[in-house]
Amino acid sequence: MTTGGEETDESDDEFNIFLFVIATGFFGAALGAVMAGAFAVFLFLSIAALLAIAGIVSASLLIGLYKRSLQSGFKSLLLISASLLGIACGLFILYLINLFLHLHLTGYQILLAGAGGGLIGGFLSGFIILRMIKTILKIMLNKLKFIN
């Protein structure tokens, strides 16, 4: 009501462009922060993985140089790599088993049992793979001797 007795028809249905610009800027900044954080985590994990790989290769190289044998360096590289891969696979497989079969294992139980079983399995598979490689190389060398 105004002083003259007439009603005003002032509705607040207008499109406020300033609020829209501020909201768009806020969501853009939030999205940029999430992308920057994801990039930083990816970069950190990539660097950690590269350092771990460099450590494995350099340890195997030092073992090979210490024993003066290419075979011992390759054997240590294969066993260390297979053990680490076995740990990762053991954790993943036990997590999936716990998820699908509802075993109600806690996180530490999954971590210890999966890592332990994966370590043993990876180490054994490393020995099996090493034996297979030796056997295949021996067969190939015998074939080459037969040809020459």
N, C-alpha and C. Protein backbone atom coordinates (compact mmCIF):
# COMPACT_ATOMS: atom_id res chain seq x y z
N MET A 1 0.84 -1.18 0.00
CA MET A 1 0.00 0.00 0.00
C MET A 1 0.88 1.24 0.00
N THR A 2 0.51 2.17 -0.76
CA THR A 2 1.21 3.45 -0.78
C THR A 2 0.38 4.46 0.00
N THR A 3 0.88 5.66 0.05
CA THR A 3 0.15 6.69 0.81
C THR A 3 -1.14 7.09 0.14
N GLY A 4 -1.25 6.87 -1.14
CA GLY A 4 -2.45 7.24 -1.88
C GLY A 4 -3.52 6.17 -1.84
N GLY A 5 -3.28 5.05 -1.23
CA GLY A 5 -4.26 4.00 -1.13
C GLY A 5 -4.19 2.99 -2.25
N GLU A 6 -3.26 3.13 -3.16
CA GLU A 6 -3.17 2.17 -4.25
C GLU A 6 -2.07 1.14 -3.96
N GLU A 7 -2.21 -0.04 -4.49
CA GLU A 7 -1.23 -1.10 -4.27
C GLU A 7 -0.15 -1.05 -5.34
N THR A 8 1.08 -1.35 -4.92
CA THR A 8 2.19 -1.41 -5.89
C THR A 8 2.40 -2.85 -6.30
N ASP A 9 2.73 -3.02 -7.54
CA ASP A 9 2.97 -4.36 -8.08
C ASP A 9 4.46 -4.53 -8.37
N GLU A 10 5.27 -4.55 -7.30
CA GLU A 10 6.72 -4.71 -7.45
C GLU A 10 7.09 -6.15 -7.09
N SER A 11 7.12 -7.02 -8.06
CA SER A 11 7.53 -8.39 -7.79
C SER A 11 9.04 -8.51 -7.97
N ASP A 12 9.59 -9.48 -7.30
CA ASP A 12 11.03 -9.67 -7.36
C ASP A 12 11.36 -10.82 -8.32
N ASP A 13 10.78 -10.79 -9.49
CA ASP A 13 11.00 -11.84 -10.48
C ASP A 13 12.09 -11.49 -11.48
N GLU A 14 12.78 -10.41 -11.27
CA GLU A 14 13.79 -10.01 -12.24
C GLU A 14 15.00 -10.94 -12.16
N PHE A 15 15.70 -11.07 -13.27
CA PHE A 15 16.89 -11.91 -13.36
C PHE A 15 18.08 -11.07 -12.92
N ASN A 16 18.67 -11.43 -11.80
CA ASN A 16 19.77 -10.67 -11.25
C ASN A 16 21.08 -11.20 -11.86
N ILE A 17 21.60 -10.51 -12.83
CA ILE A 17 22.78 -10.96 -13.55
C ILE A 17 24.03 -10.93 -12.67
N PHE A 18 24.08 -10.02 -11.72
CA PHE A 18 25.25 -9.92 -10.85
C PHE A 18 25.37 -11.16 -9.97
N LEU A 19 24.27 -11.66 -9.44
CA LEU A 19 24.29 -12.87 -8.63
C LEU A 19 24.69 -14.08 -9.48
N PHE A 20 24.24 -14.13 -10.70
CA PHE A 20 24.59 -15.22 -11.61
C PHE A 20 26.09 -15.22 -11.92
N VAL A 21 26.66 -14.05 -12.12
CA VAL A 21 28.09 -13.94 -12.40
C VAL A 21 28.90 -14.37 -11.19
N ILE A 22 28.49 -13.98 -10.01
CA ILE A 22 29.20 -14.38 -8.78
C ILE A 22 29.11 -15.88 -8.58
N ALA A 23 27.93 -16.48 -8.80
CA ALA A 23 27.77 -17.92 -8.64
C ALA A 23 28.60 -18.68 -9.66
N THR A 24 28.63 -18.19 -10.89
CA THR A 24 29.43 -18.83 -11.92
C THR A 24 30.92 -18.75 -11.58
N GLY A 25 31.36 -17.62 -11.09
CA GLY A 25 32.75 -17.47 -10.68
C GLY A 25 33.10 -18.38 -9.51
N PHE A 26 32.20 -18.51 -8.56
CA PHE A 26 32.45 -19.38 -7.41
C PHE A 26 32.56 -20.84 -7.85
N PHE A 27 31.62 -21.30 -8.68
CA PHE A 27 31.68 -22.69 -9.14
C PHE A 27 32.89 -22.92 -10.03
N GLY A 28 33.28 -21.94 -10.81
CA GLY A 28 34.48 -22.07 -11.62
C GLY A 28 35.73 -22.17 -10.76
N ALA A 29 35.80 -21.36 -9.71
CA ALA A 29 36.95 -21.41 -8.80
C ALA A 29 36.98 -22.73 -8.05
N ALA A 30 35.81 -23.23 -7.64
CA ALA A 30 35.76 -24.52 -6.93
C ALA A 30 36.20 -25.64 -7.86
N LEU A 31 35.75 -25.62 -9.11
CA LEU A 31 36.14 -26.63 -10.07
C LEU A 31 37.64 -26.55 -10.36
N GLY A 32 38.16 -25.34 -10.47
CA GLY A 32 39.60 -25.17 -10.68
C GLY A 32 40.41 -25.69 -9.51
N ALA A 33 39.93 -25.45 -8.28
CA ALA A 33 40.63 -25.95 -7.10
C ALA A 33 40.62 -27.48 -7.06
N VAL A 34 39.50 -28.07 -7.42
CA VAL A 34 39.42 -29.54 -7.45
C VAL A 34 40.36 -30.09 -8.51
N MET A 35 40.40 -29.47 -9.67
CA MET A 35 41.29 -29.94 -10.73
C MET A 35 42.76 -29.77 -10.34
N ALA A 36 43.09 -28.66 -9.69
CA ALA A 36 44.47 -28.44 -9.25
C ALA A 36 44.85 -29.46 -8.19
N GLY A 37 43.95 -29.77 -7.27
CA GLY A 37 44.22 -30.77 -6.25
C GLY A 37 44.39 -32.15 -6.83
N ALA A 38 43.54 -32.50 -7.79
CA ALA A 38 43.65 -33.81 -8.44
C ALA A 38 44.97 -33.91 -9.20
N PHE A 39 45.37 -32.83 -9.86
CA PHE A 39 46.64 -32.84 -10.58
C PHE A 39 47.82 -32.98 -9.61
N ALA A 40 47.74 -32.30 -8.46
CA ALA A 40 48.82 -32.39 -7.48
C ALA A 40 48.93 -33.81 -6.92
N VAL A 41 47.79 -34.45 -6.64
CA VAL A 41 47.81 -35.82 -6.14
C VAL A 41 48.36 -36.77 -7.20
N PHE A 42 47.91 -36.61 -8.45
CA PHE A 42 48.41 -37.44 -9.53
C PHE A 42 49.92 -37.26 -9.71
N LEU A 43 50.39 -36.04 -9.63
CA LEU A 43 51.81 -35.76 -9.77
C LEU A 43 52.60 -36.39 -8.63
N PHE A 44 52.09 -36.28 -7.41
CA PHE A 44 52.76 -36.86 -6.25
C PHE A 44 52.83 -38.39 -6.37
N LEU A 45 51.72 -39.01 -6.75
CA LEU A 45 51.71 -40.47 -6.88
C LEU A 45 52.60 -40.93 -8.03
N SER A 46 52.66 -40.17 -9.10
CA SER A 46 53.54 -40.52 -10.23
C SER A 46 55.00 -40.44 -9.82
N ILE A 47 55.35 -39.41 -9.09
CA ILE A 47 56.73 -39.27 -8.64
C ILE A 47 57.09 -40.38 -7.66
N ALA A 48 56.16 -40.72 -6.76
CA ALA A 48 56.41 -41.81 -5.81
C ALA A 48 56.59 -43.14 -6.54
N ALA A 49 55.78 -43.40 -7.56
CA ALA A 49 55.91 -44.64 -8.32
C ALA A 49 57.23 -44.68 -9.09
N LEU A 50 57.61 -43.56 -9.68
CA LEU A 50 58.89 -43.52 -10.41
C LEU A 50 60.08 -43.71 -9.48
N LEU A 51 60.01 -43.14 -8.28
CA LEU A 51 61.10 -43.33 -7.32
C LEU A 51 61.17 -44.78 -6.85
N ALA A 52 60.01 -45.41 -6.66
CA ALA A 52 60.00 -46.82 -6.26
C ALA A 52 60.59 -47.69 -7.37
N ILE A 53 60.21 -47.42 -8.60
CA ILE A 53 60.76 -48.19 -9.74
C ILE A 53 62.26 -47.97 -9.85
N ALA A 54 62.70 -46.73 -9.68
CA ALA A 54 64.14 -46.45 -9.74
C ALA A 54 64.87 -47.16 -8.62
N GLY A 55 64.27 -47.24 -7.45
CA GLY A 55 64.89 -47.95 -6.32
C GLY A 55 65.00 -49.43 -6.58
N ILE A 56 63.97 -50.02 -7.16
CA ILE A 56 64.01 -51.45 -7.47
C ILE A 56 65.08 -51.75 -8.51
N VAL A 57 65.13 -50.94 -9.55
CA VAL A 57 66.11 -51.17 -10.62
C VAL A 57 67.53 -50.95 -10.10
N SER A 58 67.72 -49.91 -9.31
CA SER A 58 69.08 -49.65 -8.81
C SER A 58 69.52 -50.71 -7.81
N ALA A 59 68.60 -51.21 -6.97
CA ALA A 59 68.96 -52.28 -6.05
C ALA A 59 69.33 -53.55 -6.81
N SER A 60 68.59 -53.85 -7.85
CA SER A 60 68.90 -55.03 -8.67
C SER A 60 70.24 -54.86 -9.38
N LEU A 61 70.50 -53.66 -9.85
CA LEU A 61 71.78 -53.38 -10.50
C LEU A 61 72.94 -53.54 -9.52
N LEU A 62 72.75 -53.04 -8.31
CA LEU A 62 73.81 -53.17 -7.31
C LEU A 62 74.03 -54.63 -6.90
N ILE A 63 72.96 -55.40 -6.82
CA ILE A 63 73.10 -56.82 -6.51
C ILE A 63 73.87 -57.52 -7.64
N GLY A 64 73.51 -57.19 -8.88
CA GLY A 64 74.21 -57.78 -10.02
C GLY A 64 75.68 -57.40 -10.06
N LEU A 65 75.99 -56.14 -9.73
CA LEU A 65 77.39 -55.72 -9.71
C LEU A 65 78.15 -56.34 -8.55
N TYR A 66 77.50 -56.49 -7.41
CA TYR A 66 78.17 -57.07 -6.23
C TYR A 66 78.50 -58.53 -6.47
N LYS A 67 77.57 -59.25 -7.06
CA LYS A 67 77.80 -60.68 -7.32
C LYS A 67 78.48 -60.93 -8.66
N ARG A 68 78.66 -59.86 -9.43
CA ARG A 68 79.28 -59.94 -10.75
C ARG A 68 78.56 -60.94 -11.65
N SER A 69 77.24 -60.82 -11.64
CA SER A 69 76.44 -61.76 -12.42
C SER A 69 75.20 -61.03 -12.93
N LEU A 70 75.01 -61.11 -14.23
CA LEU A 70 73.81 -60.53 -14.81
C LEU A 70 72.58 -61.32 -14.37
N GLN A 71 72.75 -62.61 -14.21
CA GLN A 71 71.63 -63.46 -13.82
C GLN A 71 71.12 -63.13 -12.41
N SER A 72 72.00 -62.86 -11.49
CA SER A 72 71.55 -62.53 -10.13
C SER A 72 70.87 -61.16 -10.08
N GLY A 73 71.33 -60.22 -10.90
CA GLY A 73 70.67 -58.92 -10.97
C GLY A 73 69.28 -59.04 -11.56
N PHE A 74 69.15 -59.84 -12.63
CA PHE A 74 67.83 -60.05 -13.24
C PHE A 74 66.92 -60.83 -12.30
N LYS A 75 67.48 -61.80 -11.58
CA LYS A 75 66.69 -62.60 -10.64
C LYS A 75 66.15 -61.72 -9.51
N SER A 76 66.99 -60.84 -8.99
CA SER A 76 66.52 -59.95 -7.92
C SER A 76 65.47 -58.97 -8.44
N LEU A 77 65.66 -58.46 -9.66
CA LEU A 77 64.66 -57.57 -10.25
C LEU A 77 63.32 -58.29 -10.42
N LEU A 78 63.37 -59.51 -10.91
CA LEU A 78 62.15 -60.26 -11.12
C LEU A 78 61.47 -60.61 -9.81
N LEU A 79 62.22 -61.03 -8.81
CA LEU A 79 61.61 -61.42 -7.53
C LEU A 79 61.03 -60.21 -6.79
N ILE A 80 61.74 -59.10 -6.79
CA ILE A 80 61.22 -57.91 -6.11
C ILE A 80 59.97 -57.39 -6.81
N SER A 81 60.01 -57.35 -8.14
CA SER A 81 58.85 -56.87 -8.90
C SER A 81 57.65 -57.79 -8.71
N ALA A 82 57.88 -59.10 -8.78
CA ALA A 82 56.78 -60.05 -8.61
C ALA A 82 56.21 -59.98 -7.20
N SER A 83 57.06 -59.77 -6.20
CA SER A 83 56.58 -59.66 -4.83
C SER A 83 55.71 -58.42 -4.64
N LEU A 84 56.14 -57.30 -5.18
CA LEU A 84 55.35 -56.07 -5.05
C LEU A 84 54.04 -56.17 -5.82
N LEU A 85 54.09 -56.75 -7.00
CA LEU A 85 52.87 -56.95 -7.77
C LEU A 85 51.94 -57.94 -7.08
N GLY A 86 52.52 -58.95 -6.44
CA GLY A 86 51.72 -59.92 -5.69
C GLY A 86 51.03 -59.27 -4.50
N ILE A 87 51.71 -58.36 -3.82
CA ILE A 87 51.09 -57.65 -2.69
C ILE A 87 49.90 -56.84 -3.17
N ALA A 88 50.07 -56.12 -4.27
CA ALA A 88 48.96 -55.31 -4.79
C ALA A 88 47.79 -56.20 -5.22
N CYS A 89 48.09 -57.29 -5.91
CA CYS A 89 47.02 -58.19 -6.35
C CYS A 89 46.35 -58.87 -5.17
N GLY A 90 47.12 -59.27 -4.17
CA GLY A 90 46.56 -59.91 -2.98
C GLY A 90 45.62 -58.98 -2.24
N LEU A 91 46.00 -57.73 -2.10
CA LEU A 91 45.12 -56.76 -1.44
C LEU A 91 43.83 -56.56 -2.22
N PHE A 92 43.95 -56.41 -3.52
CA PHE A 92 42.78 -56.18 -4.36
C PHE A 92 41.84 -57.39 -4.35
N ILE A 93 42.40 -58.57 -4.47
CA ILE A 93 41.58 -59.78 -4.52
C ILE A 93 40.90 -60.02 -3.19
N LEU A 94 41.61 -59.85 -2.07
CA LEU A 94 40.98 -60.05 -0.76
C LEU A 94 39.93 -58.99 -0.50
N TYR A 95 40.14 -57.77 -0.97
CA TYR A 95 39.11 -56.74 -0.83
C TYR A 95 37.85 -57.13 -1.60
N LEU A 96 38.02 -57.63 -2.82
CA LEU A 96 36.86 -58.05 -3.61
C LEU A 96 36.16 -59.26 -2.98
N ILE A 97 36.94 -60.20 -2.45
CA ILE A 97 36.33 -61.35 -1.78
C ILE A 97 35.53 -60.90 -0.57
N ASN A 98 36.09 -59.99 0.21
CA ASN A 98 35.39 -59.47 1.38
C ASN A 98 34.13 -58.71 0.97
N LEU A 99 34.21 -58.00 -0.14
CA LEU A 99 33.07 -57.22 -0.60
C LEU A 99 31.92 -58.10 -1.09
N PHE A 100 32.24 -59.12 -1.87
CA PHE A 100 31.19 -59.94 -2.46
C PHE A 100 30.69 -61.04 -1.53
N LEU A 101 31.55 -61.59 -0.70
CA LEU A 101 31.14 -62.69 0.17
C LEU A 101 30.74 -62.22 1.57
N HIS A 102 30.84 -60.93 1.85
CA HIS A 102 30.44 -60.35 3.13
C HIS A 102 31.11 -61.05 4.31
N LEU A 103 32.44 -61.08 4.29
CA LEU A 103 33.19 -61.73 5.35
C LEU A 103 33.32 -60.86 6.60
N HIS A 104 33.03 -59.60 6.50
CA HIS A 104 33.09 -58.63 7.61
C HIS A 104 34.50 -58.52 8.19
N LEU A 105 35.48 -58.50 7.32
CA LEU A 105 36.86 -58.28 7.74
C LEU A 105 37.09 -56.78 7.90
N THR A 106 37.90 -56.42 8.87
CA THR A 106 38.23 -55.01 9.04
C THR A 106 39.33 -54.63 8.06
N GLY A 107 39.62 -53.34 8.01
CA GLY A 107 40.64 -52.86 7.08
C GLY A 107 42.02 -53.41 7.36
N TYR A 108 42.37 -53.51 8.65
CA TYR A 108 43.69 -54.03 8.99
C TYR A 108 43.80 -55.52 8.67
N GLN A 109 42.73 -56.26 8.86
CA GLN A 109 42.75 -57.68 8.53
C GLN A 109 42.93 -57.87 7.02
N ILE A 110 42.22 -57.09 6.25
CA ILE A 110 42.37 -57.16 4.79
C ILE A 110 43.79 -56.78 4.40
N LEU A 111 44.30 -55.72 5.02
CA LEU A 111 45.64 -55.24 4.69
C LEU A 111 46.70 -56.29 5.00
N LEU A 112 46.64 -56.86 6.19
CA LEU A 112 47.68 -57.82 6.58
C LEU A 112 47.53 -59.15 5.84
N ALA A 113 46.32 -59.69 5.78
CA ALA A 113 46.14 -60.98 5.12
C ALA A 113 46.37 -60.87 3.62
N GLY A 114 45.86 -59.82 2.99
CA GLY A 114 46.05 -59.65 1.56
C GLY A 114 47.50 -59.41 1.20
N ALA A 115 48.18 -58.57 2.00
CA ALA A 115 49.59 -58.30 1.71
C ALA A 115 50.45 -59.52 1.97
N GLY A 116 50.17 -60.25 3.04
CA GLY A 116 50.95 -61.45 3.34
C GLY A 116 50.76 -62.53 2.30
N GLY A 117 49.51 -62.81 1.97
CA GLY A 117 49.25 -63.82 0.94
C GLY A 117 49.76 -63.40 -0.42
N GLY A 118 49.61 -62.12 -0.73
CA GLY A 118 50.12 -61.62 -2.01
C GLY A 118 51.63 -61.66 -2.08
N LEU A 119 52.30 -61.40 -0.96
CA LEU A 119 53.76 -61.45 -0.93
C LEU A 119 54.25 -62.86 -1.18
N ILE A 120 53.64 -63.82 -0.50
CA ILE A 120 54.04 -65.22 -0.70
C ILE A 120 53.73 -65.67 -2.12
N GLY A 121 52.53 -65.34 -2.59
CA GLY A 121 52.16 -65.72 -3.95
C GLY A 121 53.02 -65.05 -5.00
N GLY A 122 53.33 -63.78 -4.80
CA GLY A 122 54.18 -63.06 -5.75
C GLY A 122 55.59 -63.60 -5.78
N PHE A 123 56.12 -63.93 -4.60
CA PHE A 123 57.47 -64.48 -4.53
C PHE A 123 57.53 -65.84 -5.22
N LEU A 124 56.53 -66.68 -4.97
CA LEU A 124 56.50 -67.99 -5.61
C LEU A 124 56.31 -67.87 -7.12
N SER A 125 55.44 -66.96 -7.53
CA SER A 125 55.25 -66.77 -8.98
C SER A 125 56.51 -66.20 -9.62
N GLY A 126 57.27 -65.39 -8.90
CA GLY A 126 58.54 -64.90 -9.41
C GLY A 126 59.53 -66.04 -9.64
N PHE A 127 59.58 -67.00 -8.70
CA PHE A 127 60.44 -68.16 -8.90
C PHE A 127 59.98 -69.01 -10.07
N ILE A 128 58.67 -69.18 -10.21
CA ILE A 128 58.14 -69.97 -11.33
C ILE A 128 58.45 -69.29 -12.66
N ILE A 129 58.26 -67.99 -12.72
CA ILE A 129 58.56 -67.25 -13.96
C ILE A 129 60.05 -67.33 -14.28
N LEU A 130 60.89 -67.22 -13.25
CA LEU A 130 62.34 -67.33 -13.46
C LEU A 130 62.71 -68.70 -14.02
N ARG A 131 62.11 -69.76 -13.46
CA ARG A 131 62.36 -71.11 -13.97
C ARG A 131 61.90 -71.25 -15.42
N MET A 132 60.74 -70.67 -15.72
CA MET A 132 60.22 -70.73 -17.09
C MET A 132 61.15 -70.02 -18.05
N ILE A 133 61.65 -68.86 -17.66
CA ILE A 133 62.56 -68.11 -18.53
C ILE A 133 63.84 -68.89 -18.75
N LYS A 134 64.39 -69.50 -17.70
CA LYS A 134 65.61 -70.30 -17.85
C LYS A 134 65.39 -71.48 -18.78
N THR A 135 64.25 -72.14 -18.62
CA THR A 135 63.96 -73.30 -19.46
C THR A 135 63.78 -72.89 -20.92
N ILE A 136 63.07 -71.80 -21.15
CA ILE A 136 62.85 -71.33 -22.52
C ILE A 136 64.18 -70.91 -23.16
N LEU A 137 65.02 -70.23 -22.40
CA LEU A 137 66.33 -69.84 -22.94
C LEU A 137 67.20 -71.06 -23.25
N LYS A 138 67.13 -72.07 -22.39
CA LYS A 138 67.91 -73.29 -22.63
C LYS A 138 67.43 -73.99 -23.90
N ILE A 139 66.10 -74.06 -24.09
CA ILE A 139 65.56 -74.67 -25.30
C ILE A 139 65.97 -73.88 -26.53
N MET A 140 65.91 -72.54 -26.45
CA MET A 140 66.28 -71.71 -27.59
C MET A 140 67.76 -71.86 -27.92
N LEU A 141 68.61 -71.94 -26.90
CA LEU A 141 70.04 -72.12 -27.16
C LEU A 141 70.32 -73.48 -27.79
N ASN A 142 69.59 -74.51 -27.35
CA ASN A 142 69.77 -75.84 -27.97
C ASN A 142 69.32 -75.82 -29.42
N LYS A 143 68.25 -75.09 -29.74
CA LYS A 143 67.80 -74.99 -31.13
C LYS A 143 68.83 -74.26 -31.98
N LEU A 144 69.44 -73.21 -31.41
CA LEU A 144 70.46 -72.47 -32.16
C LEU A 144 71.70 -73.34 -32.39
N LYS A 145 72.07 -74.17 -31.43
CA LYS A 145 73.22 -75.05 -31.62
C LYS A 145 72.92 -76.10 -32.68
N PHE A 146 71.67 -76.54 -32.73
CA PHE A 146 71.28 -77.54 -33.72
C PHE A 146 71.31 -76.95 -35.12
N ILE A 147 70.95 -75.68 -35.25
CA ILE A 147 70.93 -75.03 -36.57
C ILE A 147 72.36 -74.79 -37.06
N ASN A 148 73.24 -74.34 -36.21
CA ASN A 148 74.61 -74.03 -36.62
C ASN A 148 75.37 -75.28 -36.67
